Amino acid sequence: VIRQGGDEFIILSRRTETQDILEHGEEIL
């Protein structure tokens, strides 16, 4: 997890399956 600056963040993840990363994103939100 990286703070890009201000209120922006970047996450590098080894997840690559479309459904998996979308569900992971929804969980984060």
mmCIF file of all heavy atoms, coordinates in Angstrom:
data_MODEL
# 
_entry.id   MODEL 
# 
loop_
_atom_site.group_PDB 
_atom_site.id 
_atom_site.type_symbol 
_atom_site.label_atom_id 
_atom_site.label_alt_id 
_atom_site.label_comp_id 
_atom_site.label_asym_id 
_atom_site.label_entity_id 
_atom_site.label_seq_id 
_atom_site.pdbx_PDB_ins_code 
_atom_site.Cartn_x 
_atom_site.Cartn_y 
_atom_site.Cartn_z 
_atom_site.occupancy 
_atom_site.B_iso_or_equiv 
_atom_site.pdbx_formal_charge 
_atom_site.auth_seq_id 
_atom_site.auth_comp_id 
_atom_site.auth_asym_id 
_atom_site.auth_atom_id 
_atom_site.pdbx_PDB_model_num 
ATOM 1   N N   . VAL A 1 1  ? 0.855   -1.191  0.000   1.00 0.00 ? 1  VAL A N   1 
ATOM 2   C CA  . VAL A 1 1  ? 0.000   0.000   0.000   1.00 0.00 ? 1  VAL A CA  1 
ATOM 3   C C   . VAL A 1 1  ? 0.886   1.234   0.000   1.00 0.00 ? 1  VAL A C   1 
ATOM 4   O O   . VAL A 1 1  ? 1.801   1.353   0.827   1.00 0.00 ? 1  VAL A O   1 
ATOM 5   C CB  . VAL A 1 1  ? -0.937  0.030   1.223   1.00 0.00 ? 1  VAL A CB  1 
ATOM 6   C CG1 . VAL A 1 1  ? -1.826  1.271   1.174   1.00 0.00 ? 1  VAL A CG1 1 
ATOM 7   C CG2 . VAL A 1 1  ? -1.779  -1.230  1.278   1.00 0.00 ? 1  VAL A CG2 1 
ATOM 8   N N   . ILE A 1 2  ? 0.643   2.144   -0.921  1.00 0.00 ? 2  ILE A N   1 
ATOM 9   C CA  . ILE A 1 2  ? 1.490   3.324   -1.112  1.00 0.00 ? 2  ILE A CA  1 
ATOM 10  C C   . ILE A 1 2  ? 0.612   4.570   -1.115  1.00 0.00 ? 2  ILE A C   1 
ATOM 11  O O   . ILE A 1 2  ? -0.446  4.580   -1.754  1.00 0.00 ? 2  ILE A O   1 
ATOM 12  C CB  . ILE A 1 2  ? 2.260   3.221   -2.444  1.00 0.00 ? 2  ILE A CB  1 
ATOM 13  C CG1 . ILE A 1 2  ? 3.223   2.033   -2.398  1.00 0.00 ? 2  ILE A CG1 1 
ATOM 14  C CG2 . ILE A 1 2  ? 3.010   4.509   -2.754  1.00 0.00 ? 2  ILE A CG2 1 
ATOM 15  C CD1 . ILE A 1 2  ? 3.605   1.505   -3.732  1.00 0.00 ? 2  ILE A CD1 1 
ATOM 16  N N   . ARG A 1 3  ? 1.045   5.589   -0.395  1.00 0.00 ? 3  ARG A N   1 
ATOM 17  C CA  . ARG A 1 3  ? 0.335   6.878   -0.477  1.00 0.00 ? 3  ARG A CA  1 
ATOM 18  C C   . ARG A 1 3  ? 0.942   7.683   -1.615  1.00 0.00 ? 3  ARG A C   1 
ATOM 19  O O   . ARG A 1 3  ? 2.075   8.158   -1.536  1.00 0.00 ? 3  ARG A O   1 
ATOM 20  C CB  . ARG A 1 3  ? 0.424   7.648   0.838   1.00 0.00 ? 3  ARG A CB  1 
ATOM 21  C CG  . ARG A 1 3  ? -0.450  8.913   0.810   1.00 0.00 ? 3  ARG A CG  1 
ATOM 22  C CD  . ARG A 1 3  ? -0.347  9.724   2.075   1.00 0.00 ? 3  ARG A CD  1 
ATOM 23  N NE  . ARG A 1 3  ? -1.187  10.923  1.984   1.00 0.00 ? 3  ARG A NE  1 
ATOM 24  C CZ  . ARG A 1 3  ? -1.104  11.959  2.818   1.00 0.00 ? 3  ARG A CZ  1 
ATOM 25  N NH1 . ARG A 1 3  ? -0.218  11.939  3.807   1.00 0.00 ? 3  ARG A NH1 1 
ATOM 26  N NH2 . ARG A 1 3  ? -1.877  13.005  2.656   1.00 0.00 ? 3  ARG A NH2 1 
ATOM 27  N N   . GLN A 1 4  ? 0.175   7.859   -2.659  1.00 0.00 ? 4  GLN A N   1 
ATOM 28  C CA  . GLN A 1 4  ? 0.646   8.560   -3.842  1.00 0.00 ? 4  GLN A CA  1 
ATOM 29  C C   . GLN A 1 4  ? 0.789   10.050  -3.564  1.00 0.00 ? 4  GLN A C   1 
ATOM 30  O O   . GLN A 1 4  ? 1.653   10.715  -4.116  1.00 0.00 ? 4  GLN A O   1 
ATOM 31  C CB  . GLN A 1 4  ? -0.338  8.316   -5.004  1.00 0.00 ? 4  GLN A CB  1 
ATOM 32  C CG  . GLN A 1 4  ? -0.063  9.130   -6.262  1.00 0.00 ? 4  GLN A CG  1 
ATOM 33  C CD  . GLN A 1 4  ? 1.069   8.568   -7.081  1.00 0.00 ? 4  GLN A CD  1 
ATOM 34  O OE1 . GLN A 1 4  ? 1.837   7.724   -6.611  1.00 0.00 ? 4  GLN A OE1 1 
ATOM 35  N NE2 . GLN A 1 4  ? 1.202   9.027   -8.310  1.00 0.00 ? 4  GLN A NE2 1 
ATOM 36  N N   . GLY A 1 5  ? -0.049  10.563  -2.683  1.00 0.00 ? 5  GLY A N   1 
ATOM 37  C CA  . GLY A 1 5  ? -0.014  11.989  -2.367  1.00 0.00 ? 5  GLY A CA  1 
ATOM 38  C C   . GLY A 1 5  ? -1.421  12.493  -2.113  1.00 0.00 ? 5  GLY A C   1 
ATOM 39  O O   . GLY A 1 5  ? -2.369  12.048  -2.745  1.00 0.00 ? 5  GLY A O   1 
ATOM 40  N N   . GLY A 1 6  ? -1.566  13.437  -1.161  1.00 0.00 ? 6  GLY A N   1 
ATOM 41  C CA  . GLY A 1 6  ? -2.890  13.978  -0.872  1.00 0.00 ? 6  GLY A CA  1 
ATOM 42  C C   . GLY A 1 6  ? -3.836  12.893  -0.401  1.00 0.00 ? 6  GLY A C   1 
ATOM 43  O O   . GLY A 1 6  ? -3.589  12.204  0.584   1.00 0.00 ? 6  GLY A O   1 
ATOM 44  N N   . ASP A 1 7  ? -4.937  12.733  -1.137  1.00 0.00 ? 7  ASP A N   1 
ATOM 45  C CA  . ASP A 1 7  ? -5.924  11.706  -0.784  1.00 0.00 ? 7  ASP A CA  1 
ATOM 46  C C   . ASP A 1 7  ? -5.918  10.556  -1.790  1.00 0.00 ? 7  ASP A C   1 
ATOM 47  O O   . ASP A 1 7  ? -6.923  9.888   -1.986  1.00 0.00 ? 7  ASP A O   1 
ATOM 48  C CB  . ASP A 1 7  ? -7.322  12.320  -0.692  1.00 0.00 ? 7  ASP A CB  1 
ATOM 49  C CG  . ASP A 1 7  ? -7.734  13.016  -1.991  1.00 0.00 ? 7  ASP A CG  1 
ATOM 50  O OD1 . ASP A 1 7  ? -6.888  13.113  -2.900  1.00 0.00 ? 7  ASP A OD1 1 
ATOM 51  O OD2 . ASP A 1 7  ? -8.887  13.455  -2.098  1.00 0.00 ? 7  ASP A OD2 1 
ATOM 52  N N   . GLU A 1 8  ? -4.770  10.322  -2.430  1.00 0.00 ? 8  GLU A N   1 
ATOM 53  C CA  . GLU A 1 8  ? -4.639  9.265   -3.424  1.00 0.00 ? 8  GLU A CA  1 
ATOM 54  C C   . GLU A 1 8  ? -3.702  8.168   -2.916  1.00 0.00 ? 8  GLU A C   1 
ATOM 55  O O   . GLU A 1 8  ? -2.648  8.447   -2.364  1.00 0.00 ? 8  GLU A O   1 
ATOM 56  C CB  . GLU A 1 8  ? -4.111  9.828   -4.747  1.00 0.00 ? 8  GLU A CB  1 
ATOM 57  C CG  . GLU A 1 8  ? -5.043  10.845  -5.386  1.00 0.00 ? 8  GLU A CG  1 
ATOM 58  C CD  . GLU A 1 8  ? -4.472  11.427  -6.658  1.00 0.00 ? 8  GLU A CD  1 
ATOM 59  O OE1 . GLU A 1 8  ? -3.249  11.263  -6.884  1.00 0.00 ? 8  GLU A OE1 1 
ATOM 60  O OE2 . GLU A 1 8  ? -5.220  12.037  -7.430  1.00 0.00 ? 8  GLU A OE2 1 
ATOM 61  N N   . PHE A 1 9  ? -4.121  6.905   -3.133  1.00 0.00 ? 9  PHE A N   1 
ATOM 62  C CA  . PHE A 1 9  ? -3.351  5.754   -2.676  1.00 0.00 ? 9  PHE A CA  1 
ATOM 63  C C   . PHE A 1 9  ? -3.200  4.753   -3.817  1.00 0.00 ? 9  PHE A C   1 
ATOM 64  O O   . PHE A 1 9  ? -4.073  4.662   -4.687  1.00 0.00 ? 9  PHE A O   1 
ATOM 65  C CB  . PHE A 1 9  ? -4.047  5.079   -1.488  1.00 0.00 ? 9  PHE A CB  1 
ATOM 66  C CG  . PHE A 1 9  ? -4.144  5.942   -0.273  1.00 0.00 ? 9  PHE A CG  1 
ATOM 67  C CD1 . PHE A 1 9  ? -5.130  6.914   -0.155  1.00 0.00 ? 9  PHE A CD1 1 
ATOM 68  C CD2 . PHE A 1 9  ? -3.240  5.792   0.770   1.00 0.00 ? 9  PHE A CD2 1 
ATOM 69  C CE1 . PHE A 1 9  ? -5.229  7.716   0.967   1.00 0.00 ? 9  PHE A CE1 1 
ATOM 70  C CE2 . PHE A 1 9  ? -3.334  6.588   1.907   1.00 0.00 ? 9  PHE A CE2 1 
ATOM 71  C CZ  . PHE A 1 9  ? -4.322  7.550   1.999   1.00 0.00 ? 9  PHE A CZ  1 
ATOM 72  N N   . ILE A 1 10 ? -2.096  4.013   -3.789  1.00 0.00 ? 10 ILE A N   1 
ATOM 73  C CA  . ILE A 1 10 ? -1.832  2.972   -4.783  1.00 0.00 ? 10 ILE A CA  1 
ATOM 74  C C   . ILE A 1 10 ? -1.622  1.653   -4.055  1.00 0.00 ? 10 ILE A C   1 
ATOM 75  O O   . ILE A 1 10 ? -0.971  1.607   -3.004  1.00 0.00 ? 10 ILE A O   1 
ATOM 76  C CB  . ILE A 1 10 ? -0.601  3.324   -5.635  1.00 0.00 ? 10 ILE A CB  1 
ATOM 77  C CG1 . ILE A 1 10 ? -0.934  4.481   -6.578  1.00 0.00 ? 10 ILE A CG1 1 
ATOM 78  C CG2 . ILE A 1 10 ? -0.125  2.123   -6.445  1.00 0.00 ? 10 ILE A CG2 1 
ATOM 79  C CD1 . ILE A 1 10 ? 0.255   5.021   -7.318  1.00 0.00 ? 10 ILE A CD1 1 
ATOM 80  N N   . ILE A 1 11 ? -2.173  0.591   -4.622  1.00 0.00 ? 11 ILE A N   1 
ATOM 81  C CA  . ILE A 1 11 ? -1.995  -0.751  -4.050  1.00 0.00 ? 11 ILE A CA  1 
ATOM 82  C C   . ILE A 1 11 ? -1.441  -1.659  -5.139  1.00 0.00 ? 11 ILE A C   1 
ATOM 83  O O   . ILE A 1 11 ? -2.004  -1.735  -6.243  1.00 0.00 ? 11 ILE A O   1 
ATOM 84  C CB  . ILE A 1 11 ? -3.329  -1.320  -3.530  1.00 0.00 ? 11 ILE A CB  1 
ATOM 85  C CG1 . ILE A 1 11 ? -3.929  -0.399  -2.468  1.00 0.00 ? 11 ILE A CG1 1 
ATOM 86  C CG2 . ILE A 1 11 ? -3.123  -2.727  -2.968  1.00 0.00 ? 11 ILE A CG2 1 
ATOM 87  C CD1 . ILE A 1 11 ? -5.341  -0.774  -2.062  1.00 0.00 ? 11 ILE A CD1 1 
ATOM 88  N N   . LEU A 1 12 ? -0.337  -2.327  -4.849  1.00 0.00 ? 12 LEU A N   1 
ATOM 89  C CA  . LEU A 1 12 ? 0.203   -3.359  -5.736  1.00 0.00 ? 12 LEU A CA  1 
ATOM 90  C C   . LEU A 1 12 ? -0.248  -4.706  -5.190  1.00 0.00 ? 12 LEU A C   1 
ATOM 91  O O   . LEU A 1 12 ? 0.034   -5.038  -4.038  1.00 0.00 ? 12 LEU A O   1 
ATOM 92  C CB  . LEU A 1 12 ? 1.728   -3.291  -5.793  1.00 0.00 ? 12 LEU A CB  1 
ATOM 93  C CG  . LEU A 1 12 ? 2.340   -1.984  -6.327  1.00 0.00 ? 12 LEU A CG  1 
ATOM 94  C CD1 . LEU A 1 12 ? 3.860   -2.046  -6.252  1.00 0.00 ? 12 LEU A CD1 1 
ATOM 95  C CD2 . LEU A 1 12 ? 1.891   -1.714  -7.750  1.00 0.00 ? 12 LEU A CD2 1 
ATOM 96  N N   . SER A 1 13 ? -0.951  -5.463  -6.023  1.00 0.00 ? 13 SER A N   1 
ATOM 97  C CA  . SER A 1 13 ? -1.526  -6.730  -5.566  1.00 0.00 ? 13 SER A CA  1 
ATOM 98  C C   . SER A 1 13 ? -1.190  -7.841  -6.545  1.00 0.00 ? 13 SER A C   1 
ATOM 99  O O   . SER A 1 13 ? -1.152  -7.617  -7.762  1.00 0.00 ? 13 SER A O   1 
ATOM 100 C CB  . SER A 1 13 ? -3.051  -6.601  -5.432  1.00 0.00 ? 13 SER A CB  1 
ATOM 101 O OG  . SER A 1 13 ? -3.637  -7.844  -5.133  1.00 0.00 ? 13 SER A OG  1 
ATOM 102 N N   . ARG A 1 14 ? -0.974  -9.040  -6.010  1.00 0.00 ? 14 ARG A N   1 
ATOM 103 C CA  . ARG A 1 14 ? -0.693  -10.197 -6.867  1.00 0.00 ? 14 ARG A CA  1 
ATOM 104 C C   . ARG A 1 14 ? -1.972  -10.812 -7.437  1.00 0.00 ? 14 ARG A C   1 
ATOM 105 O O   . ARG A 1 14 ? -1.921  -11.743 -8.227  1.00 0.00 ? 14 ARG A O   1 
ATOM 106 C CB  . ARG A 1 14 ? 0.071   -11.264 -6.062  1.00 0.00 ? 14 ARG A CB  1 
ATOM 107 C CG  . ARG A 1 14 ? 1.505   -10.875 -5.735  1.00 0.00 ? 14 ARG A CG  1 
ATOM 108 C CD  . ARG A 1 14 ? 2.354   -10.681 -6.957  1.00 0.00 ? 14 ARG A CD  1 
ATOM 109 N NE  . ARG A 1 14 ? 3.742   -10.348 -6.648  1.00 0.00 ? 14 ARG A NE  1 
ATOM 110 C CZ  . ARG A 1 14 ? 4.634   -10.003 -7.556  1.00 0.00 ? 14 ARG A CZ  1 
ATOM 111 N NH1 . ARG A 1 14 ? 4.279   -9.920  -8.828  1.00 0.00 ? 14 ARG A NH1 1 
ATOM 112 N NH2 . ARG A 1 14 ? 5.870   -9.706  -7.201  1.00 0.00 ? 14 ARG A NH2 1 
ATOM 113 N N   . ARG A 1 15 ? -3.131  -10.301 -7.026  1.00 0.00 ? 15 ARG A N   1 
ATOM 114 C CA  . ARG A 1 15 ? -4.395  -10.797 -7.585  1.00 0.00 ? 15 ARG A CA  1 
ATOM 115 C C   . ARG A 1 15 ? -4.495  -10.370 -9.053  1.00 0.00 ? 15 ARG A C   1 
ATOM 116 O O   . ARG A 1 15 ? -4.219  -9.210  -9.381  1.00 0.00 ? 15 ARG A O   1 
ATOM 117 C CB  . ARG A 1 15 ? -5.583  -10.249 -6.805  1.00 0.00 ? 15 ARG A CB  1 
ATOM 118 C CG  . ARG A 1 15 ? -5.606  -10.652 -5.330  1.00 0.00 ? 15 ARG A CG  1 
ATOM 119 C CD  . ARG A 1 15 ? -6.686  -9.891  -4.590  1.00 0.00 ? 15 ARG A CD  1 
ATOM 120 N NE  . ARG A 1 15 ? -6.701  -10.176 -3.165  1.00 0.00 ? 15 ARG A NE  1 
ATOM 121 C CZ  . ARG A 1 15 ? -7.643  -10.892 -2.553  1.00 0.00 ? 15 ARG A CZ  1 
ATOM 122 N NH1 . ARG A 1 15 ? -8.648  -11.401 -3.250  1.00 0.00 ? 15 ARG A NH1 1 
ATOM 123 N NH2 . ARG A 1 15 ? -7.594  -11.105 -1.255  1.00 0.00 ? 15 ARG A NH2 1 
ATOM 124 N N   . THR A 1 16 ? -4.959  -11.278 -9.898  1.00 0.00 ? 16 THR A N   1 
ATOM 125 C CA  . THR A 1 16 ? -5.044  -10.955 -11.325 1.00 0.00 ? 16 THR A CA  1 
ATOM 126 C C   . THR A 1 16 ? -6.366  -11.375 -11.973 1.00 0.00 ? 16 THR A C   1 
ATOM 127 O O   . THR A 1 16 ? -6.697  -10.882 -13.056 1.00 0.00 ? 16 THR A O   1 
ATOM 128 C CB  . THR A 1 16 ? -3.892  -11.630 -12.107 1.00 0.00 ? 16 THR A CB  1 
ATOM 129 O OG1 . THR A 1 16 ? -3.913  -13.044 -11.844 1.00 0.00 ? 16 THR A OG1 1 
ATOM 130 C CG2 . THR A 1 16 ? -2.545  -11.054 -11.683 1.00 0.00 ? 16 THR A CG2 1 
ATOM 131 N N   . GLU A 1 17 ? -7.104  -12.276 -11.350 1.00 0.00 ? 17 GLU A N   1 
ATOM 132 C CA  . GLU A 1 17 ? -8.377  -12.699 -11.922 1.00 0.00 ? 17 GLU A CA  1 
ATOM 133 C C   . GLU A 1 17 ? -9.386  -11.552 -11.821 1.00 0.00 ? 17 GLU A C   1 
ATOM 134 O O   . GLU A 1 17 ? -9.541  -10.941 -10.761 1.00 0.00 ? 17 GLU A O   1 
ATOM 135 C CB  . GLU A 1 17 ? -8.915  -13.928 -11.196 1.00 0.00 ? 17 GLU A CB  1 
ATOM 136 C CG  . GLU A 1 17 ? -8.092  -15.187 -11.393 1.00 0.00 ? 17 GLU A CG  1 
ATOM 137 C CD  . GLU A 1 17 ? -8.084  -15.637 -12.844 1.00 0.00 ? 17 GLU A CD  1 
ATOM 138 O OE1 . GLU A 1 17 ? -9.103  -15.413 -13.535 1.00 0.00 ? 17 GLU A OE1 1 
ATOM 139 O OE2 . GLU A 1 17 ? -7.067  -16.186 -13.282 1.00 0.00 ? 17 GLU A OE2 1 
ATOM 140 N N   . THR A 1 18 ? -10.054 -11.267 -12.936 1.00 0.00 ? 18 THR A N   1 
ATOM 141 C CA  . THR A 1 18 ? -10.934 -10.101 -13.006 1.00 0.00 ? 18 THR A CA  1 
ATOM 142 C C   . THR A 1 18 ? -11.961 -10.079 -11.891 1.00 0.00 ? 18 THR A C   1 
ATOM 143 O O   . THR A 1 18 ? -12.114 -9.082  -11.164 1.00 0.00 ? 18 THR A O   1 
ATOM 144 C CB  . THR A 1 18 ? -11.631 -10.046 -14.372 1.00 0.00 ? 18 THR A CB  1 
ATOM 145 O OG1 . THR A 1 18 ? -10.646 -9.931  -15.398 1.00 0.00 ? 18 THR A OG1 1 
ATOM 146 C CG2 . THR A 1 18 ? -12.589 -8.874  -14.446 1.00 0.00 ? 18 THR A CG2 1 
ATOM 147 N N   . GLN A 1 19 ? -12.681 -11.176 -11.720 1.00 0.00 ? 19 GLN A N   1 
ATOM 148 C CA  . GLN A 1 19 ? -13.729 -11.212 -10.703 1.00 0.00 ? 19 GLN A CA  1 
ATOM 149 C C   . GLN A 1 19 ? -13.142 -11.060 -9.308  1.00 0.00 ? 19 GLN A C   1 
ATOM 150 O O   . GLN A 1 19 ? -13.705 -10.380 -8.444  1.00 0.00 ? 19 GLN A O   1 
ATOM 151 C CB  . GLN A 1 19 ? -14.512 -12.534 -10.809 1.00 0.00 ? 19 GLN A CB  1 
ATOM 152 C CG  . GLN A 1 19 ? -15.757 -12.604 -9.936  1.00 0.00 ? 19 GLN A CG  1 
ATOM 153 C CD  . GLN A 1 19 ? -16.779 -11.531 -10.291 1.00 0.00 ? 19 GLN A CD  1 
ATOM 154 O OE1 . GLN A 1 19 ? -16.913 -11.156 -11.450 1.00 0.00 ? 19 GLN A OE1 1 
ATOM 155 N NE2 . GLN A 1 19 ? -17.488 -11.039 -9.292  1.00 0.00 ? 19 GLN A NE2 1 
ATOM 156 N N   . ASP A 1 20 ? -11.984 -11.673 -9.109  1.00 0.00 ? 20 ASP A N   1 
ATOM 157 C CA  . ASP A 1 20 ? -11.328 -11.625 -7.804  1.00 0.00 ? 20 ASP A CA  1 
ATOM 158 C C   . ASP A 1 20 ? -10.915 -10.204 -7.447  1.00 0.00 ? 20 ASP A C   1 
ATOM 159 O O   . ASP A 1 20 ? -11.167 -9.726  -6.328  1.00 0.00 ? 20 ASP A O   1 
ATOM 160 C CB  . ASP A 1 20 ? -10.111 -12.546 -7.810  1.00 0.00 ? 20 ASP A CB  1 
ATOM 161 C CG  . ASP A 1 20 ? -9.431  -12.602 -6.450  1.00 0.00 ? 20 ASP A CG  1 
ATOM 162 O OD1 . ASP A 1 20 ? -10.143 -12.514 -5.425  1.00 0.00 ? 20 ASP A OD1 1 
ATOM 163 O OD2 . ASP A 1 20 ? -8.189  -12.738 -6.408  1.00 0.00 ? 20 ASP A OD2 1 
ATOM 164 N N   . ILE A 1 21 ? -10.282 -9.496  -8.385  1.00 0.00 ? 21 ILE A N   1 
ATOM 165 C CA  . ILE A 1 21 ? -9.811  -8.145  -8.062  1.00 0.00 ? 21 ILE A CA  1 
ATOM 166 C C   . ILE A 1 21 ? -10.978 -7.170  -7.917  1.00 0.00 ? 21 ILE A C   1 
ATOM 167 O O   . ILE A 1 21 ? -10.918 -6.243  -7.109  1.00 0.00 ? 21 ILE A O   1 
ATOM 168 C CB  . ILE A 1 21 ? -8.793  -7.630  -9.104  1.00 0.00 ? 21 ILE A CB  1 
ATOM 169 C CG1 . ILE A 1 21 ? -9.390  -7.620  -10.511 1.00 0.00 ? 21 ILE A CG1 1 
ATOM 170 C CG2 . ILE A 1 21 ? -7.529  -8.429  -9.059  1.00 0.00 ? 21 ILE A CG2 1 
ATOM 171 C CD1 . ILE A 1 21 ? -8.430  -7.077  -11.555 1.00 0.00 ? 21 ILE A CD1 1 
ATOM 172 N N   . LEU A 1 22 ? -12.059 -7.391  -8.673  1.00 0.00 ? 22 LEU A N   1 
ATOM 173 C CA  . LEU A 1 22 ? -13.231 -6.525  -8.522  1.00 0.00 ? 22 LEU A CA  1 
ATOM 174 C C   . LEU A 1 22 ? -13.886 -6.731  -7.156  1.00 0.00 ? 22 LEU A C   1 
ATOM 175 O O   . LEU A 1 22 ? -14.282 -5.768  -6.483  1.00 0.00 ? 22 LEU A O   1 
ATOM 176 C CB  . LEU A 1 22 ? -14.238 -6.785  -9.634  1.00 0.00 ? 22 LEU A CB  1 
ATOM 177 C CG  . LEU A 1 22 ? -13.836 -6.281  -11.033 1.00 0.00 ? 22 LEU A CG  1 
ATOM 178 C CD1 . LEU A 1 22 ? -14.865 -6.695  -12.068 1.00 0.00 ? 22 LEU A CD1 1 
ATOM 179 C CD2 . LEU A 1 22 ? -13.660 -4.759  -11.037 1.00 0.00 ? 22 LEU A CD2 1 
ATOM 180 N N   . GLU A 1 23 ? -13.992 -7.996  -6.729  1.00 0.00 ? 23 GLU A N   1 
ATOM 181 C CA  . GLU A 1 23 ? -14.552 -8.276  -5.406  1.00 0.00 ? 23 GLU A CA  1 
ATOM 182 C C   . GLU A 1 23 ? -13.638 -7.736  -4.307  1.00 0.00 ? 23 GLU A C   1 
ATOM 183 O O   . GLU A 1 23 ? -14.108 -7.215  -3.285  1.00 0.00 ? 23 GLU A O   1 
ATOM 184 C CB  . GLU A 1 23 ? -14.754 -9.787  -5.243  1.00 0.00 ? 23 GLU A CB  1 
ATOM 185 C CG  . GLU A 1 23 ? -15.882 -10.345 -6.104  1.00 0.00 ? 23 GLU A CG  1 
ATOM 186 C CD  . GLU A 1 23 ? -16.015 -11.851 -5.977  1.00 0.00 ? 23 GLU A CD  1 
ATOM 187 O OE1 . GLU A 1 23 ? -15.171 -12.455 -5.267  1.00 0.00 ? 23 GLU A OE1 1 
ATOM 188 O OE2 . GLU A 1 23 ? -16.944 -12.429 -6.590  1.00 0.00 ? 23 GLU A OE2 1 
ATOM 189 N N   . HIS A 1 24 ? -12.326 -7.865  -4.533  1.00 0.00 ? 24 HIS A N   1 
ATOM 190 C CA  . HIS A 1 24 ? -11.369 -7.331  -3.569  1.00 0.00 ? 24 HIS A CA  1 
ATOM 191 C C   . HIS A 1 24 ? -11.507 -5.809  -3.472  1.00 0.00 ? 24 HIS A C   1 
ATOM 192 O O   . HIS A 1 24 ? -11.482 -5.227  -2.378  1.00 0.00 ? 24 HIS A O   1 
ATOM 193 C CB  . HIS A 1 24 ? -9.949  -7.706  -4.001  1.00 0.00 ? 24 HIS A CB  1 
ATOM 194 C CG  . HIS A 1 24 ? -8.907  -7.368  -2.977  1.00 0.00 ? 24 HIS A CG  1 
ATOM 195 N ND1 . HIS A 1 24 ? -7.715  -6.768  -3.307  1.00 0.00 ? 24 HIS A ND1 1 
ATOM 196 C CD2 . HIS A 1 24 ? -8.885  -7.535  -1.629  1.00 0.00 ? 24 HIS A CD2 1 
ATOM 197 C CE1 . HIS A 1 24 ? -6.998  -6.599  -2.210  1.00 0.00 ? 24 HIS A CE1 1 
ATOM 198 N NE2 . HIS A 1 24 ? -7.678  -7.061  -1.179  1.00 0.00 ? 24 HIS A NE2 1 
ATOM 199 N N   . GLY A 1 25 ? -11.669 -5.164  -4.618  1.00 0.00 ? 25 GLY A N   1 
ATOM 200 C CA  . GLY A 1 25 ? -11.870 -3.720  -4.641  1.00 0.00 ? 25 GLY A CA  1 
ATOM 201 C C   . GLY A 1 25 ? -13.134 -3.313  -3.915  1.00 0.00 ? 25 GLY A C   1 
ATOM 202 O O   . GLY A 1 25 ? -13.154 -2.330  -3.155  1.00 0.00 ? 25 GLY A O   1 
ATOM 203 N N   . GLU A 1 26 ? -14.210 -4.061  -4.131  1.00 0.00 ? 26 GLU A N   1 
ATOM 204 C CA  . GLU A 1 26 ? -15.475 -3.776  -3.443  1.00 0.00 ? 26 GLU A CA  1 
ATOM 205 C C   . GLU A 1 26 ? -15.315 -3.935  -1.929  1.00 0.00 ? 26 GLU A C   1 
ATOM 206 O O   . GLU A 1 26 ? -15.884 -3.163  -1.142  1.00 0.00 ? 26 GLU A O   1 
ATOM 207 C CB  . GLU A 1 26 ? -16.570 -4.712  -3.956  1.00 0.00 ? 26 GLU A CB  1 
ATOM 208 C CG  . GLU A 1 26 ? -16.985 -4.478  -5.398  1.00 0.00 ? 26 GLU A CG  1 
ATOM 209 C CD  . GLU A 1 26 ? -17.795 -3.214  -5.580  1.00 0.00 ? 26 GLU A CD  1 
ATOM 210 O OE1 . GLU A 1 26 ? -18.131 -2.564  -4.565  1.00 0.00 ? 26 GLU A OE1 1 
ATOM 211 O OE2 . GLU A 1 26 ? -18.078 -2.861  -6.741  1.00 0.00 ? 26 GLU A OE2 1 
ATOM 212 N N   . GLU A 1 27 ? -14.548 -4.944  -1.525  1.00 0.00 ? 27 GLU A N   1 
ATOM 213 C CA  . GLU A 1 27 ? -14.313 -5.156  -0.092  1.00 0.00 ? 27 GLU A CA  1 
ATOM 214 C C   . GLU A 1 27 ? -13.552 -3.977  0.514   1.00 0.00 ? 27 GLU A C   1 
ATOM 215 O O   . GLU A 1 27 ? -13.857 -3.520  1.624   1.00 0.00 ? 27 GLU A O   1 
ATOM 216 C CB  . GLU A 1 27 ? -13.517 -6.443  0.117   1.00 0.00 ? 27 GLU A CB  1 
ATOM 217 C CG  . GLU A 1 27 ? -13.257 -6.762  1.592   1.00 0.00 ? 27 GLU A CG  1 
ATOM 218 C CD  . GLU A 1 27 ? -12.340 -7.958  1.775   1.00 0.00 ? 27 GLU A CD  1 
ATOM 219 O OE1 . GLU A 1 27 ? -11.893 -8.531  0.761   1.00 0.00 ? 27 GLU A OE1 1 
ATOM 220 O OE2 . GLU A 1 27 ? -12.055 -8.290  2.939   1.00 0.00 ? 27 GLU A OE2 1 
ATOM 221 N N   . ILE A 1 28 ? -12.557 -3.480  -0.231  1.00 0.00 ? 28 ILE A N   1 
ATOM 222 C CA  . ILE A 1 28 ? -11.798 -2.321  0.242   1.00 0.00 ? 28 ILE A CA  1 
ATOM 223 C C   . ILE A 1 28 ? -12.723 -1.117  0.420   1.00 0.00 ? 28 ILE A C   1 
ATOM 224 O O   . ILE A 1 28 ? -12.727 -0.453  1.454   1.00 0.00 ? 28 ILE A O   1 
ATOM 225 C CB  . ILE A 1 28 ? -10.655 -1.994  -0.739  1.00 0.00 ? 28 ILE A CB  1 
ATOM 226 C CG1 . ILE A 1 28 ? -9.593  -3.104  -0.705  1.00 0.00 ? 28 ILE A CG1 1 
ATOM 227 C CG2 . ILE A 1 28 ? -10.023 -0.648  -0.398  1.00 0.00 ? 28 ILE A CG2 1 
ATOM 228 C CD1 . ILE A 1 28 ? -8.509  -2.940  -1.758  1.00 0.00 ? 28 ILE A CD1 1 
ATOM 229 N N   . LEU A 1 29 ? -13.534 -0.836  -0.601  1.00 0.00 ? 29 LEU A N   1 
ATOM 230 C CA  . LEU A 1 29 ? -14.436 0.315   -0.538  1.00 0.00 ? 29 LEU A CA  1 
ATOM 231 C C   . LEU A 1 29 ? -15.467 0.169   0.578   1.00 0.00 ? 29 LEU A C   1 
ATOM 232 O O   . LEU A 1 29 ? -15.811 1.145   1.246   1.00 0.00 ? 29 LEU A O   1 
ATOM 233 C CB  . LEU A 1 29 ? -15.142 0.506   -1.883  1.00 0.00 ? 29 LEU A CB  1 
ATOM 234 C CG  . LEU A 1 29 ? -14.263 0.924   -3.066  1.00 0.00 ? 29 LEU A CG  1 
ATOM 235 C CD1 . LEU A 1 29 ? -15.121 1.183   -4.284  1.00 0.00 ? 29 LEU A CD1 1 
ATOM 236 C CD2 . LEU A 1 29 ? -13.448 2.163   -2.724  1.00 0.00 ? 29 LEU A CD2 1 
# 
